[in-house]
Structure formats: structure tokens, C-alpha cells
């Protein structure tokens, strides 16, 4: 899977998980101990999040980092196949 596909899949996965928990970007940031703009930047592909940021986001979204990465990989494969 190429880099841009992974970035897009991560962005989409974070957004959908946050919305699935009925969290605003601000509340998601509070739960993950990040600045309120950081989750929005990840969702809008404005930053390449550090591992620390991904760990905090995964925790706030109630999934392990490995679960988040597995979901990103599945999403990226589906996006590449056009589904």
C-alpha cells in the first residue's frame, strides 16, 4: 500500500471512529490529551501524526494501536480496490 493511501485511510478512520463515538473534534482532543486542533489536522491530512499522537488518538477512540492500524490497512485496501 502506498504512503498516500495509508494517509487517506488513517484520516478517514480517525474521523469515522470519532463520529461513531459521537465526539466533536474538540471533545476527541480532550479525551486524547491533545490540542483541540490536532485531531482536525490529522483528519484533514494537514499533518503526519507522530506515533505518540496516534497512541493518544487510539486510546481516546477506545481501540488499541494495532486495531487502529488494522482498520487503516483494511480501509486502504478497500479504497485501492474502489469499494
C-alpha atoms as a PDB file:
ATOM      1  CA  UNK A   1       0.000   0.000   0.000  1.00  0.00           C
ATOM      2  CA  UNK A   2       1.452   3.375  -0.922  1.00  0.00           C
ATOM      3  CA  UNK A   3       2.021   6.221   1.505  1.00  0.00           C
ATOM      4  CA  UNK A   4      -0.816   8.472   0.305  1.00  0.00           C
ATOM      5  CA  UNK A   5      -3.335   5.629   0.509  1.00  0.00           C
ATOM      6  CA  UNK A   6      -2.307   4.997   4.118  1.00  0.00           C
ATOM      7  CA  UNK A   7      -2.557   8.701   4.978  1.00  0.00           C
ATOM      8  CA  UNK A   8      -6.039   8.947   3.484  1.00  0.00           C
ATOM      9  CA  UNK A   9      -7.184   5.728   5.151  1.00  0.00           C
ATOM     10  CA  UNK A  10      -5.872   6.921   8.534  1.00  0.00           C
ATOM     11  CA  UNK A  11      -7.610  10.263   8.146  1.00  0.00           C
ATOM     12  CA  UNK A  12     -10.910   8.599   7.262  1.00  0.00           C
ATOM     13  CA  UNK A  13     -10.622   6.008  10.028  1.00  0.00           C
ATOM     14  CA  UNK A  14      -9.945   8.574  12.738  1.00  0.00           C
ATOM     15  CA  UNK A  15     -12.871  10.723  11.550  1.00  0.00           C
ATOM     16  CA  UNK A  16     -15.324   7.829  11.357  1.00  0.00           C
ATOM     17  CA  UNK A  17     -14.324   6.393  14.730  1.00  0.00           C
ATOM     18  CA  UNK A  18     -14.661   9.813  16.352  1.00  0.00           C
ATOM     19  CA  UNK A  19     -18.060  10.372  14.793  1.00  0.00           C
ATOM     20  CA  UNK A  20     -19.106   6.821  15.695  1.00  0.00           C
ATOM     21  CA  UNK A  21     -18.479   7.710  19.325  1.00  0.00           C
ATOM     22  CA  UNK A  22     -20.466  10.931  18.803  1.00  0.00           C
ATOM     23  CA  UNK A  23     -17.460  13.080  19.683  1.00  0.00           C
ATOM     24  CA  UNK A  24     -16.683  16.522  18.376  1.00  0.00           C
ATOM     25  CA  UNK A  25     -13.099  17.160  17.326  1.00  0.00           C
ATOM     26  CA  UNK A  26     -12.711  19.250  20.453  1.00  0.00           C
ATOM     27  CA  UNK A  27     -14.005  16.503  22.760  1.00  0.00           C
ATOM     28  CA  UNK A  28     -11.884  13.902  20.968  1.00  0.00           C
ATOM     29  CA  UNK A  29      -8.850  16.085  21.537  1.00  0.00           C
ATOM     30  CA  UNK A  30      -9.701  16.481  25.219  1.00  0.00           C
ATOM     31  CA  UNK A  31     -10.021  12.716  25.667  1.00  0.00           C
ATOM     32  CA  UNK A  32      -6.710  12.143  23.931  1.00  0.00           C
ATOM     33  CA  UNK A  33      -4.898  14.970  25.775  1.00  0.00           C
ATOM     34  CA  UNK A  34      -4.093  16.707  22.501  1.00  0.00           C
ATOM     35  CA  UNK A  35      -4.513  20.319  21.466  1.00  0.00           C
ATOM     36  CA  UNK A  36      -8.033  20.846  20.154  1.00  0.00           C
ATOM     37  CA  UNK A  37      -6.812  21.403  16.591  1.00  0.00           C
ATOM     38  CA  UNK A  38      -4.628  18.306  16.377  1.00  0.00           C
ATOM     39  CA  UNK A  39      -7.349  15.757  15.561  1.00  0.00           C
ATOM     40  CA  UNK A  40      -8.747  18.078  12.907  1.00  0.00           C
ATOM     41  CA  UNK A  41      -5.309  18.381  11.336  1.00  0.00           C
ATOM     42  CA  UNK A  42      -4.994  14.586  11.225  1.00  0.00           C
ATOM     43  CA  UNK A  43      -8.454  14.267   9.681  1.00  0.00           C
ATOM     44  CA  UNK A  44      -7.714  16.941   7.072  1.00  0.00           C
ATOM     45  CA  UNK A  45      -4.315  15.423   6.156  1.00  0.00           C
ATOM     46  CA  UNK A  46      -2.539  18.601   7.289  1.00  0.00           C
ATOM     47  CA  UNK A  47      -0.019  16.743   9.467  1.00  0.00           C
ATOM     48  CA  UNK A  48       1.760  13.433   9.546  1.00  0.00           C
ATOM     49  CA  UNK A  49       0.984  12.401  13.111  1.00  0.00           C
ATOM     50  CA  UNK A  50       3.749  11.173  15.355  1.00  0.00           C
ATOM     51  CA  UNK A  51       3.450   7.749  16.925  1.00  0.00           C
ATOM     52  CA  UNK A  52       2.688   9.391  20.272  1.00  0.00           C
ATOM     53  CA  UNK A  53      -0.251  11.235  18.701  1.00  0.00           C
ATOM     54  CA  UNK A  54      -1.606   8.026  17.192  1.00  0.00           C
ATOM     55  CA  UNK A  55      -1.350   6.230  20.532  1.00  0.00           C
ATOM     56  CA  UNK A  56      -3.295   9.022  22.225  1.00  0.00           C
ATOM     57  CA  UNK A  57      -5.939   9.117  19.493  1.00  0.00           C
ATOM     58  CA  UNK A  58      -6.381   5.337  19.555  1.00  0.00           C
ATOM     59  CA  UNK A  59      -6.814   5.408  23.319  1.00  0.00           C
ATOM     60  CA  UNK A  60      -9.434   8.149  23.104  1.00  0.00           C
ATOM     61  CA  UNK A  61     -11.251   6.170  20.404  1.00  0.00           C
ATOM     62  CA  UNK A  62     -11.212   3.091  22.669  1.00  0.00           C
ATOM     63  CA  UNK A  63      -9.102   0.893  20.398  1.00  0.00           C
ATOM     64  CA  UNK A  64      -5.568  -0.401  20.574  1.00  0.00           C
ATOM     65  CA  UNK A  65      -2.986   0.979  18.222  1.00  0.00           C
ATOM     66  CA  UNK A  66      -2.831  -2.392  16.469  1.00  0.00           C
ATOM     67  CA  UNK A  67      -6.617  -2.328  15.953  1.00  0.00           C
ATOM     68  CA  UNK A  68      -6.390   1.174  14.515  1.00  0.00           C
ATOM     69  CA  UNK A  69      -3.608   0.149  12.127  1.00  0.00           C
ATOM     70  CA  UNK A  70      -5.501  -2.998  11.085  1.00  0.00           C
ATOM     71  CA  UNK A  71      -8.581  -0.901  10.321  1.00  0.00           C
ATOM     72  CA  UNK A  72      -6.445   1.559   8.346  1.00  0.00           C
ATOM     73  CA  UNK A  73      -4.947  -1.303   6.356  1.00  0.00           C
ATOM     74  CA  UNK A  74      -8.382  -2.763   5.560  1.00  0.00           C
ATOM     75  CA  UNK A  75      -9.702   0.663   4.584  1.00  0.00           C
ATOM     76  CA  UNK A  76      -6.670   1.386   2.417  1.00  0.00           C
ATOM     77  CA  UNK A  77      -7.042  -1.918   0.566  1.00  0.00           C
ATOM     78  CA  UNK A  78     -10.741  -1.258   0.015  1.00  0.00           C
ATOM     79  CA  UNK A  79     -10.027   2.275  -1.262  1.00  0.00           C
ATOM     80  CA  UNK A  80      -7.426   0.951  -3.680  1.00  0.00           C
ATOM     81  CA  UNK A  81      -9.951  -1.582  -4.997  1.00  0.00           C
ATOM     82  CA  UNK A  82     -12.551   1.147  -5.338  1.00  0.00           C
ATOM     83  CA  UNK A  83     -15.031  -0.279  -2.827  1.00  0.00           C
END
